[in-house]
Amino acid sequence: MLNKLIESLKNAPIIMKGDYPYFIHPLTDGVPELDPDIVREAVSGIIRIADLDVDKIVTIEAMGIPVATALSLAVNIPIVVVRKRSYGFPNEIVVDQQTGYSKGKLYINGIDKGDEVIVVDDVISTGGTALATLKALERAGAVVKDFVTVIEKGDGAEKLRKMGYKIKSLVKIEVSKDGVKIIDHLR
């Protein structure tokens, strides 16, 4: 079911950012090019495991957008994109986020109190961006019914699960300077 995605992960190049092994993949980085079959596999997997009885799909800029857009088209649910810049709308929610390699602010518009949402993202590594987004959605009064990431890497998703969040992933990987190892995946 996830054959192309898994094969592409196994072949992903690794670059080191200091001591941090960073894998380069079309779904997480947009380079070199994103194969539509990989997006289709991801969306099919999400549809199989996610609670899609929601009002909105929330995704995080930038690389969550291709998967969320394809999912939106498949299930006819609108998307809210957590953006890297402010638009200054009256109910804009500011999200302070920190990952293993960056920190900054994100902004959410288009969430109303009581909205039932699913968060869809390309990858969870440290869980910093995911946690900040989840907390911001809670502050806004949204009900997060599910959170699905295509790729789970590192211990961030497990930390979030221990905090009580439902985090689902399609593929769990380990990354080292030697490459990507598939630990588990949706069958």
N, C-alpha and C. Protein backbone atom coordinates (compact mmCIF):
# COMPACT_ATOMS: atom_id res chain seq x y z
N MET A 1 0.81 -1.20 0.00
CA MET A 1 0.00 0.00 0.00
C MET A 1 0.85 1.27 0.00
N LEU A 2 1.91 1.31 0.77
CA LEU A 2 2.79 2.48 0.83
C LEU A 2 4.13 2.20 0.14
N ASN A 3 4.10 1.37 -0.88
CA ASN A 3 5.33 0.88 -1.50
C ASN A 3 6.25 1.98 -2.01
N LYS A 4 5.71 2.91 -2.78
CA LYS A 4 6.55 3.98 -3.35
C LYS A 4 7.07 4.90 -2.25
N LEU A 5 6.22 5.21 -1.28
CA LEU A 5 6.65 6.06 -0.16
C LEU A 5 7.80 5.40 0.59
N ILE A 6 7.63 4.14 0.93
CA ILE A 6 8.66 3.42 1.69
C ILE A 6 9.97 3.33 0.89
N GLU A 7 9.87 2.99 -0.37
CA GLU A 7 11.08 2.88 -1.19
C GLU A 7 11.78 4.24 -1.31
N SER A 8 10.99 5.30 -1.47
CA SER A 8 11.60 6.63 -1.59
C SER A 8 12.26 7.06 -0.28
N LEU A 9 11.71 6.65 0.86
CA LEU A 9 12.34 6.96 2.14
C LEU A 9 13.66 6.21 2.31
N LYS A 10 13.65 4.95 1.93
CA LYS A 10 14.89 4.15 2.03
C LYS A 10 16.02 4.76 1.20
N ASN A 11 15.66 5.44 0.11
CA ASN A 11 16.66 6.02 -0.79
C ASN A 11 16.92 7.51 -0.54
N ALA A 12 16.34 8.05 0.52
CA ALA A 12 16.47 9.49 0.78
C ALA A 12 17.90 9.85 1.19
N PRO A 13 18.46 10.90 0.60
CA PRO A 13 19.79 11.34 1.02
C PRO A 13 19.74 11.96 2.42
N ILE A 14 20.88 11.91 3.11
CA ILE A 14 21.03 12.47 4.45
C ILE A 14 22.05 13.60 4.41
N ILE A 15 21.71 14.72 5.03
CA ILE A 15 22.71 15.77 5.26
C ILE A 15 22.80 16.00 6.76
N MET A 16 23.96 16.37 7.22
CA MET A 16 24.15 16.63 8.64
C MET A 16 24.04 18.13 8.88
N LYS A 17 23.20 18.52 9.83
CA LYS A 17 23.12 19.90 10.30
C LYS A 17 23.70 19.88 11.71
N GLY A 18 25.01 20.07 11.79
CA GLY A 18 25.70 19.85 13.05
C GLY A 18 25.70 18.36 13.34
N ASP A 19 25.15 17.99 14.49
CA ASP A 19 25.04 16.57 14.85
C ASP A 19 23.68 15.99 14.45
N TYR A 20 22.84 16.78 13.81
CA TYR A 20 21.47 16.38 13.50
C TYR A 20 21.42 15.79 12.09
N PRO A 21 21.10 14.48 11.96
CA PRO A 21 20.96 13.90 10.62
C PRO A 21 19.59 14.28 10.03
N TYR A 22 19.61 14.96 8.91
CA TYR A 22 18.41 15.47 8.28
C TYR A 22 18.21 14.73 6.96
N PHE A 23 17.05 14.07 6.82
CA PHE A 23 16.80 13.37 5.56
C PHE A 23 16.09 14.30 4.59
N ILE A 24 16.44 14.18 3.32
CA ILE A 24 15.86 15.01 2.27
C ILE A 24 14.89 14.13 1.49
N HIS A 25 13.64 14.57 1.43
CA HIS A 25 12.60 13.77 0.78
C HIS A 25 11.60 14.69 0.10
N PRO A 26 11.08 14.31 -1.06
CA PRO A 26 10.13 15.16 -1.76
C PRO A 26 8.89 15.52 -0.92
N LEU A 27 8.42 14.62 -0.08
CA LEU A 27 7.22 14.88 0.71
C LEU A 27 7.50 15.84 1.87
N THR A 28 8.71 15.85 2.38
CA THR A 28 9.04 16.70 3.53
C THR A 28 9.80 17.96 3.13
N ASP A 29 10.40 17.96 1.95
CA ASP A 29 11.22 19.10 1.54
C ASP A 29 10.84 19.67 0.17
N GLY A 30 10.08 18.92 -0.60
CA GLY A 30 9.68 19.41 -1.91
C GLY A 30 10.76 19.29 -2.97
N VAL A 31 11.83 18.59 -2.68
CA VAL A 31 12.90 18.38 -3.66
C VAL A 31 13.28 16.91 -3.70
N PRO A 32 13.71 16.33 -4.80
CA PRO A 32 13.83 17.06 -6.06
C PRO A 32 12.48 17.30 -6.72
N GLU A 33 11.59 16.34 -6.77
CA GLU A 33 10.21 16.56 -7.23
C GLU A 33 9.33 15.58 -6.49
N LEU A 34 8.07 15.97 -6.33
CA LEU A 34 7.12 15.16 -5.57
C LEU A 34 6.28 14.31 -6.51
N ASP A 35 6.45 13.01 -6.43
CA ASP A 35 5.73 12.04 -7.25
C ASP A 35 4.27 11.99 -6.79
N PRO A 36 3.32 12.23 -7.69
CA PRO A 36 1.91 12.19 -7.30
C PRO A 36 1.49 10.84 -6.71
N ASP A 37 2.13 9.75 -7.11
CA ASP A 37 1.79 8.44 -6.54
C ASP A 37 2.11 8.38 -5.05
N ILE A 38 3.16 9.06 -4.62
CA ILE A 38 3.49 9.08 -3.19
C ILE A 38 2.42 9.85 -2.42
N VAL A 39 1.96 10.96 -2.99
CA VAL A 39 0.89 11.72 -2.34
C VAL A 39 -0.39 10.88 -2.28
N ARG A 40 -0.71 10.18 -3.37
CA ARG A 40 -1.90 9.32 -3.39
C ARG A 40 -1.80 8.24 -2.32
N GLU A 41 -0.63 7.61 -2.19
CA GLU A 41 -0.44 6.58 -1.16
C GLU A 41 -0.66 7.17 0.23
N ALA A 42 -0.11 8.35 0.47
CA ALA A 42 -0.27 9.00 1.77
C ALA A 42 -1.73 9.29 2.06
N VAL A 43 -2.43 9.85 1.10
CA VAL A 43 -3.85 10.18 1.29
C VAL A 43 -4.68 8.92 1.51
N SER A 44 -4.42 7.88 0.74
CA SER A 44 -5.16 6.62 0.94
C SER A 44 -4.93 6.08 2.34
N GLY A 45 -3.69 6.17 2.82
CA GLY A 45 -3.39 5.72 4.17
C GLY A 45 -4.10 6.55 5.22
N ILE A 46 -4.10 7.85 5.04
CA ILE A 46 -4.79 8.74 6.00
C ILE A 46 -6.28 8.42 6.03
N ILE A 47 -6.88 8.25 4.87
CA ILE A 47 -8.31 7.95 4.82
C ILE A 47 -8.61 6.64 5.56
N ARG A 48 -7.71 5.67 5.48
CA ARG A 48 -7.92 4.38 6.17
C ARG A 48 -7.90 4.51 7.68
N ILE A 49 -7.05 5.39 8.24
CA ILE A 49 -6.85 5.39 9.69
C ILE A 49 -7.40 6.60 10.43
N ALA A 50 -7.82 7.63 9.72
CA ALA A 50 -8.19 8.89 10.37
C ALA A 50 -9.67 9.01 10.66
N ASP A 51 -9.98 9.80 11.69
CA ASP A 51 -11.34 10.22 11.97
C ASP A 51 -11.59 11.46 11.11
N LEU A 52 -12.33 11.29 10.05
CA LEU A 52 -12.59 12.38 9.11
C LEU A 52 -13.98 12.97 9.25
N ASP A 53 -14.63 12.69 10.36
CA ASP A 53 -15.91 13.32 10.67
C ASP A 53 -15.60 14.67 11.33
N VAL A 54 -15.07 15.61 10.51
CA VAL A 54 -14.59 16.89 11.01
C VAL A 54 -15.08 18.02 10.11
N ASP A 55 -14.93 19.25 10.63
CA ASP A 55 -15.30 20.44 9.88
C ASP A 55 -14.16 20.93 8.99
N LYS A 56 -12.91 20.74 9.48
CA LYS A 56 -11.77 21.30 8.76
C LYS A 56 -10.55 20.41 8.90
N ILE A 57 -9.70 20.45 7.88
CA ILE A 57 -8.38 19.83 7.92
C ILE A 57 -7.40 20.96 8.21
N VAL A 58 -6.57 20.78 9.25
CA VAL A 58 -5.55 21.77 9.58
C VAL A 58 -4.20 21.18 9.18
N THR A 59 -3.40 21.97 8.51
CA THR A 59 -2.05 21.54 8.14
C THR A 59 -1.07 22.67 8.36
N ILE A 60 0.19 22.32 8.41
CA ILE A 60 1.23 23.28 8.73
C ILE A 60 2.06 23.56 7.48
N GLU A 61 2.24 24.84 7.20
CA GLU A 61 3.05 25.28 6.07
C GLU A 61 4.47 24.77 6.23
N ALA A 62 5.15 24.36 5.26
CA ALA A 62 4.74 24.37 3.86
C ALA A 62 4.41 22.97 3.39
N MET A 63 5.14 21.96 3.86
CA MET A 63 5.04 20.65 3.21
C MET A 63 3.84 19.82 3.66
N GLY A 64 3.07 20.27 4.61
CA GLY A 64 1.81 19.60 4.88
C GLY A 64 0.77 19.92 3.82
N ILE A 65 0.98 21.02 3.10
CA ILE A 65 -0.02 21.51 2.15
C ILE A 65 -0.31 20.52 1.02
N PRO A 66 0.69 19.91 0.36
CA PRO A 66 0.34 18.98 -0.73
C PRO A 66 -0.52 17.81 -0.26
N VAL A 67 -0.19 17.24 0.88
CA VAL A 67 -0.97 16.10 1.38
C VAL A 67 -2.36 16.56 1.80
N ALA A 68 -2.44 17.67 2.52
CA ALA A 68 -3.74 18.17 2.97
C ALA A 68 -4.64 18.56 1.80
N THR A 69 -4.06 19.14 0.76
CA THR A 69 -4.84 19.52 -0.41
C THR A 69 -5.41 18.28 -1.10
N ALA A 70 -4.58 17.28 -1.30
CA ALA A 70 -5.05 16.04 -1.92
C ALA A 70 -6.12 15.38 -1.06
N LEU A 71 -5.92 15.38 0.26
CA LEU A 71 -6.92 14.82 1.17
C LEU A 71 -8.22 15.60 1.08
N SER A 72 -8.12 16.93 1.07
CA SER A 72 -9.31 17.78 0.96
C SER A 72 -10.10 17.47 -0.30
N LEU A 73 -9.41 17.31 -1.41
CA LEU A 73 -10.08 16.98 -2.67
C LEU A 73 -10.75 15.61 -2.62
N ALA A 74 -10.12 14.67 -1.91
CA ALA A 74 -10.67 13.31 -1.83
C ALA A 74 -11.89 13.23 -0.92
N VAL A 75 -11.91 14.04 0.15
CA VAL A 75 -12.99 13.90 1.14
C VAL A 75 -13.88 15.13 1.25
N ASN A 76 -13.58 16.17 0.46
CA ASN A 76 -14.40 17.38 0.40
C ASN A 76 -14.53 18.10 1.75
N ILE A 77 -13.41 18.26 2.41
CA ILE A 77 -13.35 19.00 3.67
C ILE A 77 -12.38 20.16 3.46
N PRO A 78 -12.76 21.39 3.89
CA PRO A 78 -11.87 22.54 3.68
C PRO A 78 -10.60 22.47 4.54
N ILE A 79 -9.59 23.22 4.08
CA ILE A 79 -8.27 23.24 4.73
C ILE A 79 -8.03 24.58 5.40
N VAL A 80 -7.40 24.52 6.57
CA VAL A 80 -6.84 25.70 7.24
C VAL A 80 -5.34 25.46 7.30
N VAL A 81 -4.57 26.43 6.79
CA VAL A 81 -3.11 26.30 6.77
C VAL A 81 -2.52 27.14 7.89
N VAL A 82 -1.74 26.51 8.74
CA VAL A 82 -0.97 27.22 9.76
C VAL A 82 0.20 27.85 9.01
N ARG A 83 0.23 29.20 9.02
CA ARG A 83 1.17 29.94 8.17
C ARG A 83 2.36 30.47 8.93
N LYS A 84 3.42 30.80 8.19
CA LYS A 84 4.65 31.32 8.77
C LYS A 84 4.65 32.84 8.85
N ARG A 85 3.56 33.47 8.39
CA ARG A 85 3.48 34.93 8.51
C ARG A 85 2.08 35.33 8.95
N SER A 86 2.03 36.48 9.57
CA SER A 86 0.77 37.02 10.08
C SER A 86 -0.01 37.70 8.96
N TYR A 87 -1.32 37.54 9.02
CA TYR A 87 -2.20 38.26 8.11
C TYR A 87 -3.00 39.33 8.85
N GLY A 88 -2.92 39.30 10.18
CA GLY A 88 -3.53 40.34 10.99
C GLY A 88 -5.03 40.28 11.10
N PHE A 89 -5.64 39.14 10.79
CA PHE A 89 -7.08 39.03 10.96
C PHE A 89 -7.44 39.12 12.44
N PRO A 90 -8.66 39.55 12.76
CA PRO A 90 -9.03 39.79 14.16
C PRO A 90 -8.86 38.59 15.10
N ASN A 91 -9.16 37.38 14.65
CA ASN A 91 -9.07 36.21 15.53
C ASN A 91 -7.84 35.36 15.25
N GLU A 92 -6.82 35.96 14.64
CA GLU A 92 -5.60 35.22 14.33
C GLU A 92 -4.95 34.69 15.61
N ILE A 93 -4.53 33.44 15.55
CA ILE A 93 -3.91 32.77 16.69
C ILE A 93 -2.41 32.70 16.42
N VAL A 94 -1.62 33.17 17.38
CA VAL A 94 -0.17 33.12 17.26
C VAL A 94 0.34 31.84 17.92
N VAL A 95 1.19 31.14 17.21
CA VAL A 95 1.75 29.87 17.69
C VAL A 95 3.27 30.06 17.82
N ASP A 96 3.80 29.92 19.04
CA ASP A 96 5.25 29.90 19.22
C ASP A 96 5.70 28.47 19.05
N GLN A 97 6.61 28.22 18.11
CA GLN A 97 7.03 26.85 17.82
C GLN A 97 8.53 26.72 17.86
N GLN A 98 8.97 25.53 18.24
CA GLN A 98 10.40 25.23 18.24
C GLN A 98 10.58 23.78 17.82
N THR A 99 11.53 23.56 16.91
CA THR A 99 11.84 22.21 16.45
C THR A 99 13.27 21.90 16.83
N GLY A 100 13.78 20.79 16.33
CA GLY A 100 15.17 20.43 16.60
C GLY A 100 16.16 21.33 15.91
N TYR A 101 15.69 22.12 14.93
CA TYR A 101 16.63 22.93 14.16
C TYR A 101 16.15 24.35 13.88
N SER A 102 14.98 24.75 14.42
CA SER A 102 14.51 26.12 14.21
C SER A 102 13.49 26.51 15.27
N LYS A 103 13.24 27.82 15.36
CA LYS A 103 12.14 28.29 16.19
C LYS A 103 11.60 29.57 15.61
N GLY A 104 10.34 29.86 15.90
CA GLY A 104 9.73 31.04 15.35
C GLY A 104 8.25 31.08 15.69
N LYS A 105 7.53 31.90 14.96
CA LYS A 105 6.09 32.04 15.17
C LYS A 105 5.34 31.53 13.94
N LEU A 106 4.19 30.94 14.22
CA LEU A 106 3.26 30.53 13.17
C LEU A 106 1.93 31.20 13.48
N TYR A 107 1.04 31.22 12.49
CA TYR A 107 -0.23 31.94 12.64
C TYR A 107 -1.37 31.11 12.08
N ILE A 108 -2.47 31.07 12.85
CA ILE A 108 -3.65 30.31 12.41
C ILE A 108 -4.81 31.27 12.24
N ASN A 109 -5.45 31.18 11.10
CA ASN A 109 -6.69 31.92 10.81
C ASN A 109 -7.73 30.91 10.33
N GLY A 110 -9.00 31.22 10.53
CA GLY A 110 -10.06 30.37 9.99
C GLY A 110 -10.53 29.29 10.94
N ILE A 111 -10.14 29.34 12.20
CA ILE A 111 -10.62 28.39 13.20
C ILE A 111 -11.62 29.09 14.10
N ASP A 112 -12.78 28.49 14.25
CA ASP A 112 -13.81 29.03 15.13
C ASP A 112 -14.00 28.12 16.33
N LYS A 113 -14.42 28.69 17.43
CA LYS A 113 -14.69 27.90 18.63
C LYS A 113 -15.70 26.80 18.28
N GLY A 114 -15.38 25.58 18.67
CA GLY A 114 -16.24 24.45 18.40
C GLY A 114 -15.94 23.70 17.13
N ASP A 115 -15.07 24.26 16.27
CA ASP A 115 -14.68 23.53 15.06
C ASP A 115 -14.06 22.19 15.43
N GLU A 116 -14.51 21.14 14.76
CA GLU A 116 -13.89 19.83 14.91
C GLU A 116 -12.90 19.67 13.77
N VAL A 117 -11.64 19.36 14.13
CA VAL A 117 -10.58 19.36 13.13
C VAL A 117 -9.74 18.09 13.21
N ILE A 118 -9.09 17.82 12.09
CA ILE A 118 -8.00 16.85 12.04
C ILE A 118 -6.77 17.63 11.62
N VAL A 119 -5.66 17.34 12.28
CA VAL A 119 -4.38 17.93 11.89
C VAL A 119 -3.65 16.90 11.04
N VAL A 120 -3.18 17.33 9.88
CA VAL A 120 -2.46 16.46 8.96
C VAL A 120 -1.11 17.13 8.68
N ASP A 121 -0.03 16.37 8.85
CA ASP A 121 1.29 16.93 8.60
C ASP A 121 2.16 15.93 7.88
N ASP A 122 3.24 16.42 7.31
CA ASP A 122 4.16 15.56 6.57
C ASP A 122 5.04 14.74 7.49
N VAL A 123 5.56 15.35 8.57
CA VAL A 123 6.50 14.65 9.44
C VAL A 123 6.44 15.21 10.86
N ILE A 124 6.58 14.35 11.84
CA ILE A 124 6.82 14.75 13.22
C ILE A 124 8.19 14.23 13.60
N SER A 125 9.04 15.13 14.07
CA SER A 125 10.37 14.73 14.54
C SER A 125 10.46 14.97 16.04
N THR A 126 10.69 16.21 16.43
CA THR A 126 10.78 16.54 17.86
C THR A 126 9.40 16.72 18.48
N GLY A 127 8.41 17.03 17.65
CA GLY A 127 7.06 17.28 18.14
C GLY A 127 6.81 18.72 18.53
N GLY A 128 7.82 19.57 18.40
CA GLY A 128 7.68 20.96 18.81
C GLY A 128 6.61 21.73 18.07
N THR A 129 6.61 21.66 16.76
CA THR A 129 5.61 22.36 15.96
C THR A 129 4.23 21.75 16.18
N ALA A 130 4.16 20.43 16.25
CA ALA A 130 2.88 19.76 16.46
C ALA A 130 2.27 20.17 17.80
N LEU A 131 3.07 20.16 18.87
CA LEU A 131 2.56 20.52 20.19
C LEU A 131 2.10 21.97 20.22
N ALA A 132 2.88 22.86 19.66
CA ALA A 132 2.49 24.27 19.64
C ALA A 132 1.19 24.46 18.87
N THR A 133 1.03 23.76 17.76
CA THR A 133 -0.19 23.85 16.96
C THR A 133 -1.38 23.29 17.74
N LEU A 134 -1.21 22.13 18.37
CA LEU A 134 -2.29 21.52 19.15
C LEU A 134 -2.73 22.44 20.29
N LYS A 135 -1.79 23.02 21.00
CA LYS A 135 -2.10 23.93 22.11
C LYS A 135 -2.84 25.17 21.61
N ALA A 136 -2.41 25.71 20.47
CA ALA A 136 -3.08 26.88 19.90
C ALA A 136 -4.50 26.56 19.47
N LEU A 137 -4.70 25.39 18.87
CA LEU A 137 -6.06 24.99 18.48
C LEU A 137 -6.94 24.83 19.71
N GLU A 138 -6.40 24.27 20.78
CA GLU A 138 -7.15 24.13 22.03
C GLU A 138 -7.53 25.51 22.58
N ARG A 139 -6.58 26.46 22.58
CA ARG A 139 -6.86 27.82 23.06
C ARG A 139 -7.98 28.47 22.24
N ALA A 140 -8.04 28.15 20.96
CA ALA A 140 -9.06 28.72 20.08
C ALA A 140 -10.42 28.07 20.28
N GLY A 141 -10.46 26.97 21.05
CA GLY A 141 -11.72 26.28 21.28
C GLY A 141 -12.05 25.23 20.25
N ALA A 142 -11.08 24.87 19.42
CA ALA A 142 -11.30 23.80 18.45
C ALA A 142 -11.22 22.45 19.14
N VAL A 143 -11.89 21.47 18.57
CA VAL A 143 -11.83 20.09 19.05
C VAL A 143 -10.96 19.32 18.07
N VAL A 144 -9.79 18.90 18.53
CA VAL A 144 -8.89 18.13 17.67
C VAL A 144 -9.30 16.67 17.78
N LYS A 145 -9.93 16.17 16.74
CA LYS A 145 -10.41 14.78 16.76
C LYS A 145 -9.34 13.78 16.38
N ASP A 146 -8.32 14.24 15.63
CA ASP A 146 -7.28 13.32 15.19
C ASP A 146 -6.07 14.12 14.73
N PHE A 147 -4.93 13.46 14.72
CA PHE A 147 -3.70 14.04 14.20
C PHE A 147 -2.99 12.91 13.46
N VAL A 148 -2.78 13.10 12.16
CA VAL A 148 -2.11 12.08 11.36
C VAL A 148 -0.90 12.72 10.69
N THR A 149 0.24 12.09 10.87
CA THR A 149 1.45 12.49 10.18
C THR A 149 1.84 11.37 9.22
N VAL A 150 2.34 11.74 8.08
CA VAL A 150 2.77 10.73 7.12
C VAL A 150 3.98 9.99 7.67
N ILE A 151 4.96 10.77 8.18
CA ILE A 151 6.23 10.19 8.64
C ILE A 151 6.46 10.53 10.10
N GLU A 152 6.74 9.52 10.89
CA GLU A 152 7.11 9.69 12.30
C GLU A 152 8.59 9.39 12.43
N LYS A 153 9.31 10.36 12.96
CA LYS A 153 10.77 10.24 13.12
C LYS A 153 11.12 10.78 14.49
N GLY A 154 12.03 10.13 15.19
CA GLY A 154 12.41 10.62 16.50
C GLY A 154 11.37 10.29 17.55
N ASP A 155 11.44 10.99 18.68
CA ASP A 155 10.56 10.66 19.81
C ASP A 155 9.43 11.66 20.02
N GLY A 156 9.27 12.63 19.12
CA GLY A 156 8.25 13.66 19.29
C GLY A 156 6.83 13.12 19.35
N ALA A 157 6.48 12.21 18.45
CA ALA A 157 5.12 11.67 18.44
C ALA A 157 4.83 10.89 19.72
N GLU A 158 5.82 10.14 20.18
CA GLU A 158 5.62 9.37 21.42
C GLU A 158 5.45 10.29 22.61
N LYS A 159 6.20 11.38 22.67
CA LYS A 159 6.03 12.37 23.74
C LYS A 159 4.61 12.92 23.74
N LEU A 160 4.11 13.23 22.55
CA LEU A 160 2.74 13.77 22.43
C LEU A 160 1.71 12.73 22.85
N ARG A 161 1.93 11.48 22.50
CA ARG A 161 1.01 10.41 22.92
C ARG A 161 0.97 10.31 24.45
N LYS A 162 2.13 10.41 25.07
CA LYS A 162 2.19 10.34 26.54
C LYS A 162 1.50 11.52 27.20
N MET A 163 1.37 12.63 26.46
CA MET A 163 0.64 13.80 26.96
C MET A 163 -0.86 13.67 26.71
N GLY A 164 -1.28 12.57 26.07
CA GLY A 164 -2.70 12.33 25.85
C GLY A 164 -3.21 12.64 24.46
N TYR A 165 -2.34 13.04 23.57
CA TYR A 165 -2.77 13.34 22.20
C TYR A 165 -2.80 12.06 21.36
N LYS A 166 -3.82 11.97 20.49
CA LYS A 166 -3.91 10.85 19.55
C LYS A 166 -3.07 11.21 18.33
N ILE A 167 -1.93 10.58 18.20
CA ILE A 167 -1.06 10.83 17.05
C ILE A 167 -0.95 9.51 16.29
N LYS A 168 -1.28 9.57 15.02
CA LYS A 168 -1.17 8.40 14.15
C LYS A 168 -0.14 8.71 13.08
N SER A 169 0.56 7.67 12.63
CA SER A 169 1.52 7.87 11.54
C SER A 169 1.40 6.73 10.55
N LEU A 170 1.80 7.04 9.31
CA LEU A 170 1.77 6.02 8.27
C LEU A 170 3.06 5.22 8.24
N VAL A 171 4.19 5.91 8.46
CA VAL A 171 5.50 5.26 8.42
C VAL A 171 6.33 5.80 9.58
N LYS A 172 6.94 4.90 10.33
CA LYS A 172 7.86 5.30 11.40
C LYS A 172 9.27 4.96 10.94
N ILE A 173 10.17 5.97 11.04
CA ILE A 173 11.53 5.78 10.57
C ILE A 173 12.55 6.17 11.63
N GLU A 174 13.77 5.67 11.44
CA GLU A 174 14.94 6.15 12.16
C GLU A 174 15.90 6.70 11.13
N VAL A 175 16.53 7.81 11.48
CA VAL A 175 17.47 8.44 10.56
C VAL A 175 18.82 8.53 11.25
N SER A 176 19.85 8.12 10.54
CA SER A 176 21.23 8.28 11.01
C SER A 176 22.06 8.78 9.84
N LYS A 177 23.31 9.05 10.10
CA LYS A 177 24.19 9.50 9.01
C LYS A 177 24.29 8.46 7.91
N ASP A 178 23.93 7.20 8.25
CA ASP A 178 24.00 6.11 7.28
C ASP A 178 22.76 5.95 6.42
N GLY A 179 21.66 6.64 6.78
CA GLY A 179 20.46 6.55 5.96
C GLY A 179 19.18 6.42 6.77
N VAL A 180 18.09 6.13 6.07
CA VAL A 180 16.76 5.99 6.66
C VAL A 180 16.46 4.51 6.83
N LYS A 181 16.00 4.16 8.02
CA LYS A 181 15.58 2.78 8.31
C LYS A 181 14.08 2.80 8.64
N ILE A 182 13.32 1.93 7.98
CA ILE A 182 11.88 1.81 8.23
C ILE A 182 11.69 0.96 9.48
N ILE A 183 11.03 1.51 10.50
CA ILE A 183 10.78 0.82 11.76
C ILE A 183 9.42 0.13 11.73
N ASP A 184 8.42 0.85 11.21
CA ASP A 184 7.06 0.32 11.15
C ASP A 184 6.30 1.10 10.07
N HIS A 185 5.22 0.53 9.59
CA HIS A 185 4.38 1.23 8.62
C HIS A 185 3.00 0.62 8.58
N LEU A 186 2.06 1.41 8.08
CA LEU A 186 0.70 0.96 7.87
C LEU A 186 0.69 -0.14 6.85
N ARG A 187 -0.01 -1.20 7.17
CA ARG A 187 -0.10 -2.34 6.24
C ARG A 187 -1.49 -2.46 5.69
